[in-house]
Amino acid sequence: MRGYDLSMLRARKVAAADMDYFDLVLAMDRANLDTLRRLCPSDRQHRLKLFMHYARQFDDDEVPDPYYGLGHGFDLVLDMVEDAAQGLLASICRELGKDSLPSSSTEANAEKMASPPEAGGALPVAGLESGKSLH
């Protein structure tokens, strides 16, 4: 899958404590965003966004489920996720007053900072229980 090693990712259900721990909680679609809004206290709602809000090359506001599309669905979803991830990084850099994206040498540090203490070293992928594997 384009050279991505996903072996360290572990999905888990989103917890109410995540709304305090994380500065930003991203949903892949509106159904998950609505569920997050119900879980999140009103003073933390500003932390919730759709992931595709950060996309620069796609107008879609949701990431489609690739299992239910045409054969090219996984490639399209990966293109969308890569685009939104680049936009997210650019947004974070702007917020921090940085002129450029972080170099690959800082990726290990970024993974450590993104991992809550109870994650046990693996980079967590928080998700909602909906019968699907989460993004």
Protein backbone atom coordinates (compact mmCIF):
# COMPACT_ATOMS: atom_id res chain seq x y z
CA MET A 1 0.00 0.00 0.00
CA ARG A 2 2.35 2.70 -1.30
CA GLY A 3 4.97 1.68 1.23
CA TYR A 4 3.00 2.51 4.38
CA ASP A 5 3.68 0.23 7.33
CA LEU A 6 0.43 0.05 9.28
CA SER A 7 1.50 -2.84 11.51
CA MET A 8 1.86 -0.64 14.60
CA LEU A 9 -1.64 0.88 14.33
CA ARG A 10 -4.31 -0.36 16.71
CA ALA A 11 -7.93 0.71 16.52
CA ARG A 12 -9.86 1.49 19.66
CA LYS A 13 -13.15 3.05 20.56
CA VAL A 14 -13.12 6.80 21.14
CA ALA A 15 -13.42 7.63 24.84
CA ALA A 16 -14.88 10.73 26.46
CA ALA A 17 -11.40 11.39 27.92
CA ASP A 18 -10.08 11.82 24.37
CA MET A 19 -11.97 15.09 24.15
CA ASP A 20 -9.77 16.46 26.95
CA TYR A 21 -6.54 14.78 25.87
CA PHE A 22 -6.46 15.66 22.16
CA ASP A 23 -6.46 19.20 20.77
CA LEU A 24 -8.05 18.00 17.54
CA VAL A 25 -10.34 15.03 16.90
CA LEU A 26 -10.99 14.24 13.24
CA ALA A 27 -13.86 12.26 11.77
CA MET A 28 -13.85 10.65 8.35
CA ASP A 29 -17.57 11.17 7.75
CA ARG A 30 -20.57 13.09 9.07
CA ALA A 31 -22.08 10.09 10.88
CA ASN A 32 -18.94 9.71 13.01
CA LEU A 33 -18.72 13.47 13.49
CA ASP A 34 -22.29 13.50 14.83
CA THR A 35 -21.42 10.72 17.26
CA LEU A 36 -18.33 12.62 18.40
CA ARG A 37 -20.44 15.74 18.95
CA ARG A 38 -22.75 13.80 21.27
CA LEU A 39 -19.74 12.49 23.22
CA CYS A 40 -17.90 15.81 23.41
CA PRO A 41 -18.62 18.48 26.05
CA SER A 42 -19.91 21.76 24.63
CA ASP A 43 -16.74 23.63 25.60
CA ARG A 44 -14.64 21.21 23.49
CA GLN A 45 -16.79 21.09 20.32
CA HIS A 46 -14.29 23.35 18.53
CA ARG A 47 -11.82 20.41 18.63
CA LEU A 48 -14.01 18.33 16.29
CA LYS A 49 -13.66 18.53 12.51
CA LEU A 50 -14.05 16.48 9.39
CA PHE A 51 -10.66 15.23 8.18
CA MET A 52 -11.42 16.32 4.61
CA HIS A 53 -11.73 19.91 5.86
CA TYR A 54 -7.96 19.99 5.31
CA ALA A 55 -7.99 18.61 1.74
CA ARG A 56 -6.64 20.89 -0.95
CA GLN A 57 -7.27 18.85 -4.10
CA PHE A 58 -10.64 17.26 -3.25
CA ASP A 59 -13.98 18.97 -2.69
CA ASP A 60 -15.49 16.00 -0.86
CA ASP A 61 -16.26 16.57 2.80
CA GLU A 62 -16.29 12.85 3.68
CA VAL A 63 -13.90 9.98 3.04
CA PRO A 64 -15.91 7.23 1.34
CA ASP A 65 -15.79 3.63 2.50
CA PRO A 66 -13.58 1.92 -0.13
CA TYR A 67 -15.16 -1.49 0.44
CA TYR A 68 -18.40 -0.43 -1.23
CA GLY A 69 -17.07 1.28 -4.33
CA LEU A 70 -15.40 0.34 -7.58
CA GLY A 71 -12.08 -1.49 -7.69
CA HIS A 72 -10.15 1.79 -7.63
CA GLY A 73 -11.82 2.81 -4.35
CA PHE A 74 -8.79 2.09 -2.17
CA ASP A 75 -6.49 4.13 -4.39
CA LEU A 76 -8.96 7.02 -4.41
CA VAL A 77 -9.36 6.94 -0.63
CA LEU A 78 -5.60 6.85 -0.16
CA ASP A 79 -5.23 9.83 -2.52
CA MET A 80 -7.86 11.70 -0.47
CA VAL A 81 -6.23 10.80 2.85
CA GLU A 82 -2.76 11.81 1.65
CA ASP A 83 -4.12 15.14 0.40
CA ALA A 84 -5.97 15.90 3.63
CA ALA A 85 -2.96 14.81 5.72
CA GLN A 86 -0.72 17.24 3.83
CA GLY A 87 -3.28 19.99 4.37
CA LEU A 88 -3.50 19.13 8.07
CA LEU A 89 0.29 19.28 8.44
CA ALA A 90 0.38 22.62 6.62
CA SER A 91 -2.37 23.94 8.92
CA ILE A 92 -0.48 22.82 12.04
CA CYS A 93 2.73 24.39 10.75
CA ARG A 94 0.93 27.67 10.09
CA GLU A 95 -0.58 27.59 13.58
CA LEU A 96 2.85 27.02 15.10
CA GLY A 97 4.40 29.75 12.97
CA LYS A 98 6.55 27.34 10.98
CA ASP A 99 7.33 28.05 7.34
CA SER A 100 7.67 24.45 6.19
CA LEU A 101 6.42 20.95 6.87
CA PRO A 102 8.36 18.82 9.33
CA SER A 103 11.13 16.67 7.90
CA SER A 104 10.98 12.89 7.95
CA SER A 105 13.56 12.90 10.77
CA THR A 106 10.87 14.25 13.10
CA GLU A 107 8.31 11.54 12.29
CA ALA A 108 9.33 9.32 15.23
CA ASN A 109 8.96 12.24 17.64
CA ALA A 110 5.58 13.14 16.16
CA GLU A 111 4.36 9.57 16.71
CA LYS A 112 5.47 9.66 20.35
CA MET A 113 3.72 13.00 20.95
CA ALA A 114 0.48 11.79 19.34
CA SER A 115 0.32 8.65 21.47
CA PRO A 116 -1.54 8.96 24.78
CA PRO A 117 0.21 7.39 27.78
CA GLU A 118 -2.13 4.38 27.95
CA ALA A 119 -1.43 3.40 24.33
CA GLY A 120 1.51 1.20 25.25
CA GLY A 121 3.86 2.49 22.57
CA ALA A 122 1.70 1.83 19.51
CA LEU A 123 0.30 4.85 17.74
CA PRO A 124 -3.43 4.72 18.49
CA VAL A 125 -6.14 5.05 15.92
CA ALA A 126 -9.22 6.06 17.85
CA GLY A 127 -12.54 5.19 16.38
CA LEU A 128 -16.20 4.83 17.00
CA GLU A 129 -17.87 1.50 17.42
CA SER A 130 -19.91 1.15 14.27
CA GLY A 131 -19.15 -2.35 13.09
CA LYS A 132 -16.40 -1.08 10.77
CA SER A 133 -12.67 -0.86 11.05
CA LEU A 134 -11.83 2.73 11.78
CA HIS A 135 -9.66 5.15 9.89
